[in-house]
């Protein structure tokens, strides 16, 4: 019984050590694959561009209706006035 417990505990410790080693090995291998590129600094404007998709919706909506019904016959405003 004691021998089985000792074997089980040692097996758990070995599995933990192997898993920790594999975890750190994969973590460091990911860091090695980082590609860096040297560039020369230039004086200029900073451009920031964001592209996105979506729907623009109003916060509130108001329906405009005239107090009297009828037809508009003439608009008394010129273009760009």
PDB file of N, CA and C in Angstrom:
ATOM      1  N   UNK A   1       0.823  -1.187   0.000  1.00  0.00           N
ATOM      2  CA  UNK A   1       0.000   0.000   0.000  1.00  0.00           C
ATOM      3  C   UNK A   1       0.872   1.258   0.000  1.00  0.00           C
ATOM      4  N   UNK A   2       1.860   1.304   0.857  1.00  0.00           N
ATOM      5  CA  UNK A   2       2.769   2.444   0.937  1.00  0.00           C
ATOM      6  C   UNK A   2       3.571   2.575  -0.354  1.00  0.00           C
ATOM      7  N   UNK A   3       3.924   1.428  -0.912  1.00  0.00           N
ATOM      8  CA  UNK A   3       4.688   1.425  -2.156  1.00  0.00           C
ATOM      9  C   UNK A   3       3.847   2.004  -3.301  1.00  0.00           C
ATOM     10  N   UNK A   4       2.574   1.681  -3.337  1.00  0.00           N
ATOM     11  CA  UNK A   4       1.683   2.198  -4.378  1.00  0.00           C
ATOM     12  C   UNK A   4       1.492   3.711  -4.250  1.00  0.00           C
ATOM     13  N   UNK A   5       1.345   4.210  -3.026  1.00  0.00           N
ATOM     14  CA  UNK A   5       1.204   5.652  -2.804  1.00  0.00           C
ATOM     15  C   UNK A   5       2.468   6.392  -3.220  1.00  0.00           C
ATOM     16  N   UNK A   6       3.614   5.830  -2.869  1.00  0.00           N
ATOM     17  CA  UNK A   6       4.890   6.449  -3.223  1.00  0.00           C
ATOM     18  C   UNK A   6       5.062   6.477  -4.744  1.00  0.00           C
ATOM     19  N   UNK A   7       4.680   5.404  -5.401  1.00  0.00           N
ATOM     20  CA  UNK A   7       4.767   5.337  -6.856  1.00  0.00           C
ATOM     21  C   UNK A   7       3.816   6.351  -7.499  1.00  0.00           C
ATOM     22  N   UNK A   8       2.619   6.469  -6.978  1.00  0.00           N
ATOM     23  CA  UNK A   8       1.641   7.419  -7.504  1.00  0.00           C
ATOM     24  C   UNK A   8       2.112   8.861  -7.322  1.00  0.00           C
ATOM     25  N   UNK A   9       2.637   9.187  -6.165  1.00  0.00           N
ATOM     26  CA  UNK A   9       3.129  10.539  -5.891  1.00  0.00           C
ATOM     27  C   UNK A   9       4.311  10.869  -6.795  1.00  0.00           C
ATOM     28  N   UNK A  10       5.234   9.939  -6.960  1.00  0.00           N
ATOM     29  CA  UNK A  10       6.391  10.189  -7.820  1.00  0.00           C
ATOM     30  C   UNK A  10       5.959  10.335  -9.283  1.00  0.00           C
ATOM     31  N   UNK A  11       4.969   9.567  -9.698  1.00  0.00           N
ATOM     32  CA  UNK A  11       4.459   9.676 -11.060  1.00  0.00           C
ATOM     33  C   UNK A  11       3.804  11.042 -11.292  1.00  0.00           C
ATOM     34  N   UNK A  12       3.049  11.519 -10.331  1.00  0.00           N
ATOM     35  CA  UNK A  12       2.417  12.841 -10.426  1.00  0.00           C
ATOM     36  C   UNK A  12       3.478  13.935 -10.505  1.00  0.00           C
ATOM     37  N   UNK A  13       4.524  13.820  -9.710  1.00  0.00           N
ATOM     38  CA  UNK A  13       5.602  14.816  -9.718  1.00  0.00           C
ATOM     39  C   UNK A  13       6.308  14.825 -11.071  1.00  0.00           C
ATOM     40  N   UNK A  14       6.567  13.654 -11.618  1.00  0.00           N
ATOM     41  CA  UNK A  14       7.237  13.569 -12.919  1.00  0.00           C
ATOM     42  C   UNK A  14       6.361  14.184 -14.014  1.00  0.00           C
ATOM     43  N   UNK A  15       5.072  13.900 -13.988  1.00  0.00           N
ATOM     44  CA  UNK A  15       4.161  14.467 -14.985  1.00  0.00           C
ATOM     45  C   UNK A  15       4.112  15.988 -14.860  1.00  0.00           C
ATOM     46  N   UNK A  16       4.079  16.497 -13.646  1.00  0.00           N
ATOM     47  CA  UNK A  16       4.079  17.949 -13.441  1.00  0.00           C
ATOM     48  C   UNK A  16       5.361  18.587 -13.958  1.00  0.00           C
ATOM     49  N   UNK A  17       6.503  17.973 -13.669  1.00  0.00           N
ATOM     50  CA  UNK A  17       7.779  18.523 -14.124  1.00  0.00           C
ATOM     51  C   UNK A  17       7.868  18.522 -15.652  1.00  0.00           C
ATOM     52  N   UNK A  18       7.420  17.452 -16.273  1.00  0.00           N
ATOM     53  CA  UNK A  18       7.459  17.375 -17.735  1.00  0.00           C
ATOM     54  C   UNK A  18       6.519  18.413 -18.345  1.00  0.00           C
ATOM     55  N   UNK A  19       5.336  18.578 -17.782  1.00  0.00           N
ATOM     56  CA  UNK A  19       4.395  19.558 -18.330  1.00  0.00           C
ATOM     57  C   UNK A  19       4.903  20.987 -18.145  1.00  0.00           C
ATOM     58  N   UNK A  20       5.534  21.275 -17.018  1.00  0.00           N
ATOM     59  CA  UNK A  20       6.106  22.609 -16.800  1.00  0.00           C
ATOM     60  C   UNK A  20       7.223  22.871 -17.800  1.00  0.00           C
ATOM     61  N   UNK A  21       8.071  21.874 -18.022  1.00  0.00           N
ATOM     62  CA  UNK A  21       9.176  22.012 -18.979  1.00  0.00           C
ATOM     63  C   UNK A  21       8.639  22.255 -20.395  1.00  0.00           C
ATOM     64  N   UNK A  22       7.626  21.524 -20.796  1.00  0.00           N
ATOM     65  CA  UNK A  22       7.047  21.712 -22.126  1.00  0.00           C
ATOM     66  C   UNK A  22       6.391  23.083 -22.259  1.00  0.00           C
ATOM     67  N   UNK A  23       5.759  23.541 -21.195  1.00  0.00           N
ATOM     68  CA  UNK A  23       5.120  24.855 -21.218  1.00  0.00           C
ATOM     69  C   UNK A  23       6.148  25.955 -21.444  1.00  0.00           C
ATOM     70  N   UNK A  24       7.242  25.933 -20.699  1.00  0.00           N
ATOM     71  CA  UNK A  24       8.256  26.968 -20.843  1.00  0.00           C
ATOM     72  C   UNK A  24       9.008  26.845 -22.162  1.00  0.00           C
ATOM     73  N   UNK A  25       9.174  25.638 -22.660  1.00  0.00           N
ATOM     74  CA  UNK A  25       9.861  25.452 -23.935  1.00  0.00           C
ATOM     75  C   UNK A  25       9.040  26.039 -25.076  1.00  0.00           C
ATOM     76  N   UNK A  26       7.740  25.813 -25.085  1.00  0.00           N
ATOM     77  CA  UNK A  26       6.899  26.377 -26.144  1.00  0.00           C
ATOM     78  C   UNK A  26       6.774  27.889 -25.999  1.00  0.00           C
ATOM     79  N   UNK A  27       6.798  28.381 -24.786  1.00  0.00           N
ATOM     80  CA  UNK A  27       6.699  29.822 -24.561  1.00  0.00           C
ATOM     81  C   UNK A  27       7.944  30.531 -25.096  1.00  0.00           C
ATOM     82  N   UNK A  28       9.128  29.962 -24.879  1.00  0.00           N
ATOM     83  CA  UNK A  28      10.356  30.590 -25.370  1.00  0.00           C
ATOM     84  C   UNK A  28      10.498  30.424 -26.875  1.00  0.00           C
ATOM     85  N   UNK A  29       9.978  29.338 -27.447  1.00  0.00           N
ATOM     86  CA  UNK A  29      10.090  29.154 -28.894  1.00  0.00           C
ATOM     87  C   UNK A  29       9.213  30.157 -29.634  1.00  0.00           C
ATOM     88  N   UNK A  30       8.119  30.572 -29.039  1.00  0.00           N
ATOM     89  CA  UNK A  30       7.266  31.585 -29.653  1.00  0.00           C
ATOM     90  C   UNK A  30       7.994  32.924 -29.670  1.00  0.00           C
ATOM     91  N   UNK A  31       8.738  33.243 -28.626  1.00  0.00           N
ATOM     92  CA  UNK A  31       9.471  34.502 -28.565  1.00  0.00           C
ATOM     93  C   UNK A  31      10.575  34.550 -29.619  1.00  0.00           C
ATOM     94  N   UNK A  32      11.162  33.427 -29.971  1.00  0.00           N
ATOM     95  CA  UNK A  32      12.242  33.401 -30.944  1.00  0.00           C
ATOM     96  C   UNK A  32      11.735  33.682 -32.355  1.00  0.00           C
ATOM     97  N   UNK A  33      10.472  33.436 -32.623  1.00  0.00           N
ATOM     98  CA  UNK A  33       9.922  33.608 -33.959  1.00  0.00           C
ATOM     99  C   UNK A  33       9.459  35.032 -34.246  1.00  0.00           C
ATOM    100  N   UNK A  34       9.706  35.958 -33.351  1.00  0.00           N
ATOM    101  CA  UNK A  34       9.299  37.345 -33.559  1.00  0.00           C
ATOM    102  C   UNK A  34      10.193  37.966 -34.631  1.00  0.00           C
ATOM    103  N   UNK A  35       9.576  38.526 -35.650  1.00  0.00           N
ATOM    104  CA  UNK A  35      10.325  39.130 -36.749  1.00  0.00           C
ATOM    105  C   UNK A  35      10.453  40.621 -36.469  1.00  0.00           C
ATOM    106  N   UNK A  36      11.676  41.111 -36.520  1.00  0.00           N
ATOM    107  CA  UNK A  36      11.887  42.539 -36.296  1.00  0.00           C
ATOM    108  C   UNK A  36      12.462  43.156 -37.563  1.00  0.00           C
ATOM    109  N   UNK A  37      12.192  44.427 -37.729  1.00  0.00           N
ATOM    110  CA  UNK A  37      12.641  45.122 -38.919  1.00  0.00           C
ATOM    111  C   UNK A  37      13.142  46.491 -38.495  1.00  0.00           C
ATOM    112  N   UNK A  38      14.339  46.835 -38.937  1.00  0.00           N
ATOM    113  CA  UNK A  38      14.891  48.144 -38.619  1.00  0.00           C
ATOM    114  C   UNK A  38      14.476  49.134 -39.699  1.00  0.00           C
ATOM    115  N   UNK A  39      14.060  50.311 -39.265  1.00  0.00           N
ATOM    116  CA  UNK A  39      13.690  51.359 -40.214  1.00  0.00           C
ATOM    117  C   UNK A  39      14.368  52.654 -39.790  1.00  0.00           C
ATOM    118  N   UNK A  40      14.555  53.537 -40.736  1.00  0.00           N
ATOM    119  CA  UNK A  40      15.148  54.836 -40.441  1.00  0.00           C
ATOM    120  C   UNK A  40      14.037  55.825 -40.117  1.00  0.00           C
ATOM    121  N   UNK A  41      14.232  56.640 -39.087  1.00  0.00           N
ATOM    122  CA  UNK A  41      13.194  57.615 -38.737  1.00  0.00           C
ATOM    123  C   UNK A  41      13.099  58.715 -39.791  1.00  0.00           C
ATOM    124  N   UNK A  42      11.899  59.172 -40.032  1.00  0.00           N
ATOM    125  CA  UNK A  42      11.654  60.239 -40.992  1.00  0.00           C
ATOM    126  C   UNK A  42      10.757  61.296 -40.353  1.00  0.00           C
ATOM    127  N   UNK A  43      10.939  62.519 -40.768  1.00  0.00           N
ATOM    128  CA  UNK A  43      10.077  63.598 -40.293  1.00  0.00           C
ATOM    129  C   UNK A  43       8.852  63.646 -41.193  1.00  0.00           C
ATOM    130  N   UNK A  44       7.688  63.653 -40.595  1.00  0.00           N
ATOM    131  CA  UNK A  44       6.465  63.692 -41.383  1.00  0.00           C
ATOM    132  C   UNK A  44       5.247  63.670 -40.491  1.00  0.00           C
ATOM    133  N   UNK A  45       4.108  63.617 -41.111  1.00  0.00           N
ATOM    134  CA  UNK A  45       2.850  63.578 -40.379  1.00  0.00           C
ATOM    135  C   UNK A  45       2.559  62.161 -39.911  1.00  0.00           C
ATOM    136  N   UNK A  46       1.868  62.075 -38.807  1.00  0.00           N
ATOM    137  CA  UNK A  46       1.416  60.778 -38.309  1.00  0.00           C
ATOM    138  C   UNK A  46       0.030  60.542 -38.876  1.00  0.00           C
ATOM    139  N   UNK A  47      -0.120  59.436 -39.578  1.00  0.00           N
ATOM    140  CA  UNK A  47      -1.415  59.108 -40.169  1.00  0.00           C
ATOM    141  C   UNK A  47      -2.033  57.955 -39.401  1.00  0.00           C
ATOM    142  N   UNK A  48      -3.265  58.131 -39.027  1.00  0.00           N
ATOM    143  CA  UNK A  48      -4.007  57.086 -38.329  1.00  0.00           C
ATOM    144  C   UNK A  48      -5.286  56.823 -39.100  1.00  0.00           C
ATOM    145  N   UNK A  49      -5.443  55.591 -39.560  1.00  0.00           N
ATOM    146  CA  UNK A  49      -6.618  55.225 -40.339  1.00  0.00           C
ATOM    147  C   UNK A  49      -7.301  54.052 -39.668  1.00  0.00           C
ATOM    148  N   UNK A  50      -8.597  54.185 -39.465  1.00  0.00           N
ATOM    149  CA  UNK A  50      -9.382  53.100 -38.878  1.00  0.00           C
ATOM    150  C   UNK A  50     -10.519  52.783 -39.837  1.00  0.00           C
ATOM    151  N   UNK A  51     -10.605  51.541 -40.229  1.00  0.00           N
ATOM    152  CA  UNK A  51     -11.705  51.101 -41.090  1.00  0.00           C
ATOM    153  C   UNK A  51     -12.579  50.145 -40.303  1.00  0.00           C
ATOM    154  N   UNK A  52     -13.868  50.333 -40.405  1.00  0.00           N
ATOM    155  CA  UNK A  52     -14.787  49.456 -39.684  1.00  0.00           C
ATOM    156  C   UNK A  52     -16.108  49.390 -40.440  1.00  0.00           C
ATOM    157  N   UNK A  53     -16.897  48.444 -40.077  1.00  0.00           N
ATOM    158  CA  UNK A  53     -18.224  48.327 -40.669  1.00  0.00           C
ATOM    159  C   UNK A  53     -19.254  48.370 -39.552  1.00  0.00           C
ATOM    160  N   UNK A  54     -20.432  48.774 -39.892  1.00  0.00           N
ATOM    161  CA  UNK A  54     -21.477  48.817 -38.876  1.00  0.00           C
ATOM    162  C   UNK A  54     -22.675  49.604 -39.368  1.00  0.00           C
ATOM    163  N   UNK A  55     -23.563  49.870 -38.451  1.00  0.00           N
ATOM    164  CA  UNK A  55     -24.793  50.593 -38.748  1.00  0.00           C
ATOM    165  C   UNK A  55     -24.857  51.804 -37.832  1.00  0.00           C
ATOM    166  N   UNK A  56     -25.156  52.961 -38.403  1.00  0.00           N
ATOM    167  CA  UNK A  56     -25.315  54.178 -37.611  1.00  0.00           C
ATOM    168  C   UNK A  56     -26.793  54.309 -37.279  1.00  0.00           C
ATOM    169  N   UNK A  57     -27.091  54.379 -35.997  1.00  0.00           N
ATOM    170  CA  UNK A  57     -28.472  54.513 -35.547  1.00  0.00           C
ATOM    171  C   UNK A  57     -28.602  55.760 -34.681  1.00  0.00           C
ATOM    172  N   UNK A  58     -29.710  56.496 -34.810  1.00  0.00           N
ATOM    173  CA  UNK A  58     -29.884  57.695 -33.990  1.00  0.00           C
ATOM    174  C   UNK A  58     -30.176  57.334 -32.533  1.00  0.00           C
ATOM    175  N   UNK A  59     -29.826  58.263 -31.624  1.00  0.00           N
ATOM    176  CA  UNK A  59     -30.136  58.038 -30.217  1.00  0.00           C
ATOM    177  C   UNK A  59     -31.630  58.159 -29.969  1.00  0.00           C
ATOM    178  N   UNK A  60     -32.251  59.123 -30.626  1.00  0.00           N
ATOM    179  CA  UNK A  60     -33.707  59.255 -30.521  1.00  0.00           C
ATOM    180  C   UNK A  60     -34.260  59.589 -31.901  1.00  0.00           C
ATOM    181  N   UNK A  61     -35.498  59.298 -32.093  1.00  0.00           N
ATOM    182  CA  UNK A  61     -36.124  59.499 -33.401  1.00  0.00           C
ATOM    183  C   UNK A  61     -37.368  60.364 -33.214  1.00  0.00           C
ATOM    184  N   UNK A  62     -37.530  61.336 -34.086  1.00  0.00           N
ATOM    185  CA  UNK A  62     -38.649  62.255 -33.990  1.00  0.00           C
ATOM    186  C   UNK A  62     -39.341  62.331 -35.346  1.00  0.00           C
ATOM    187  N   UNK A  63     -40.635  62.130 -35.344  1.00  0.00           N
ATOM    188  CA  UNK A  63     -41.407  62.200 -36.577  1.00  0.00           C
ATOM    189  C   UNK A  63     -41.977  63.605 -36.697  1.00  0.00           C
ATOM    190  N   UNK A  64     -41.670  64.271 -37.798  1.00  0.00           N
ATOM    191  CA  UNK A  64     -42.125  65.647 -38.002  1.00  0.00           C
ATOM    192  C   UNK A  64     -43.347  65.630 -38.913  1.00  0.00           C
ATOM    193  N   UNK A  65     -44.440  66.172 -38.400  1.00  0.00           N
ATOM    194  CA  UNK A  65     -45.686  66.251 -39.178  1.00  0.00           C
ATOM    195  C   UNK A  65     -46.217  67.678 -39.085  1.00  0.00           C
ATOM    196  N   UNK A  66     -46.722  68.202 -40.190  1.00  0.00           N
ATOM    197  CA  UNK A  66     -47.301  69.550 -40.119  1.00  0.00           C
ATOM    198  C   UNK A  66     -48.637  69.518 -39.372  1.00  0.00           C
ATOM    199  N   UNK A  67     -48.980  70.662 -38.810  1.00  0.00           N
ATOM    200  CA  UNK A  67     -50.246  70.729 -38.076  1.00  0.00           C
ATOM    201  C   UNK A  67     -51.447  70.721 -39.028  1.00  0.00           C
ATOM    202  N   UNK A  68     -51.237  71.182 -40.260  1.00  0.00           N
ATOM    203  CA  UNK A  68     -52.306  71.146 -41.259  1.00  0.00           C
ATOM    204  C   UNK A  68     -51.844  70.323 -42.456  1.00  0.00           C
ATOM    205  N   UNK A  69     -52.761  69.636 -43.047  1.00  0.00           N
ATOM    206  CA  UNK A  69     -52.408  68.841 -44.221  1.00  0.00           C
ATOM    207  C   UNK A  69     -52.487  69.720 -45.459  1.00  0.00           C
ATOM    208  N   UNK A  70     -51.750  69.373 -46.475  1.00  0.00           N
ATOM    209  CA  UNK A  70     -51.779  70.147 -47.707  1.00  0.00           C
ATOM    210  C   UNK A  70     -50.611  69.785 -48.598  1.00  0.00           C
ATOM    211  N   UNK A  71     -50.438  70.560 -49.649  1.00  0.00           N
ATOM    212  CA  UNK A  71     -49.386  70.334 -50.617  1.00  0.00           C
ATOM    213  C   UNK A  71     -48.472  71.541 -50.672  1.00  0.00           C
ATOM    214  N   UNK A  72     -47.167  71.313 -50.814  1.00  0.00           N
ATOM    215  CA  UNK A  72     -46.223  72.421 -50.956  1.00  0.00           C
ATOM    216  C   UNK A  72     -46.191  72.798 -52.431  1.00  0.00           C
ATOM    217  N   UNK A  73     -46.507  74.034 -52.724  1.00  0.00           N
ATOM    218  CA  UNK A  73     -46.544  74.483 -54.114  1.00  0.00           C
ATOM    219  C   UNK A  73     -45.286  75.247 -54.483  1.00  0.00           C
ATOM    220  N   UNK A  74     -44.695  75.980 -53.522  1.00  0.00           N
ATOM    221  CA  UNK A  74     -43.525  76.786 -53.832  1.00  0.00           C
ATOM    222  C   UNK A  74     -42.637  76.870 -52.593  1.00  0.00           C
ATOM    223  N   UNK A  75     -41.321  76.749 -52.810  1.00  0.00           N
ATOM    224  CA  UNK A  75     -40.359  76.900 -51.719  1.00  0.00           C
ATOM    225  C   UNK A  75     -39.685  78.245 -51.913  1.00  0.00           C
ATOM    226  N   UNK A  76     -39.761  79.102 -50.912  1.00  0.00           N
ATOM    227  CA  UNK A  76     -39.283  80.474 -51.031  1.00  0.00           C
ATOM    228  C   UNK A  76     -37.826  80.627 -50.596  1.00  0.00           C
ATOM    229  N   UNK A  77     -37.017  79.651 -50.897  1.00  0.00           N
ATOM    230  CA  UNK A  77     -35.594  79.699 -50.553  1.00  0.00           C
ATOM    231  C   UNK A  77     -34.816  79.264 -51.782  1.00  0.00           C
ATOM    232  N   UNK A  78     -33.729  79.969 -52.074  1.00  0.00           N
ATOM    233  CA  UNK A  78     -32.881  79.593 -53.202  1.00  0.00           C
ATOM    234  C   UNK A  78     -31.774  78.653 -52.724  1.00  0.00           C
ATOM    235  N   UNK A  79     -31.105  78.039 -53.683  1.00  0.00           N
ATOM    236  CA  UNK A  79     -30.005  77.130 -53.374  1.00  0.00           C
ATOM    237  C   UNK A  79     -28.871  77.920 -52.732  1.00  0.00           C
ATOM    238  N   UNK A  80     -28.250  77.398 -51.694  1.00  0.00           N
ATOM    239  CA  UNK A  80     -27.134  77.978 -50.932  1.00  0.00           C
ATOM    240  C   UNK A  80     -27.517  79.284 -50.237  1.00  0.00           C
ATOM    241  N   UNK A  81     -28.736  79.452 -49.886  1.00  0.00           N
ATOM    242  CA  UNK A  81     -29.162  80.674 -49.214  1.00  0.00           C
ATOM    243  C   UNK A  81     -29.183  80.447 -47.726  1.00  0.00           C
TER     244      UNK A  81
END
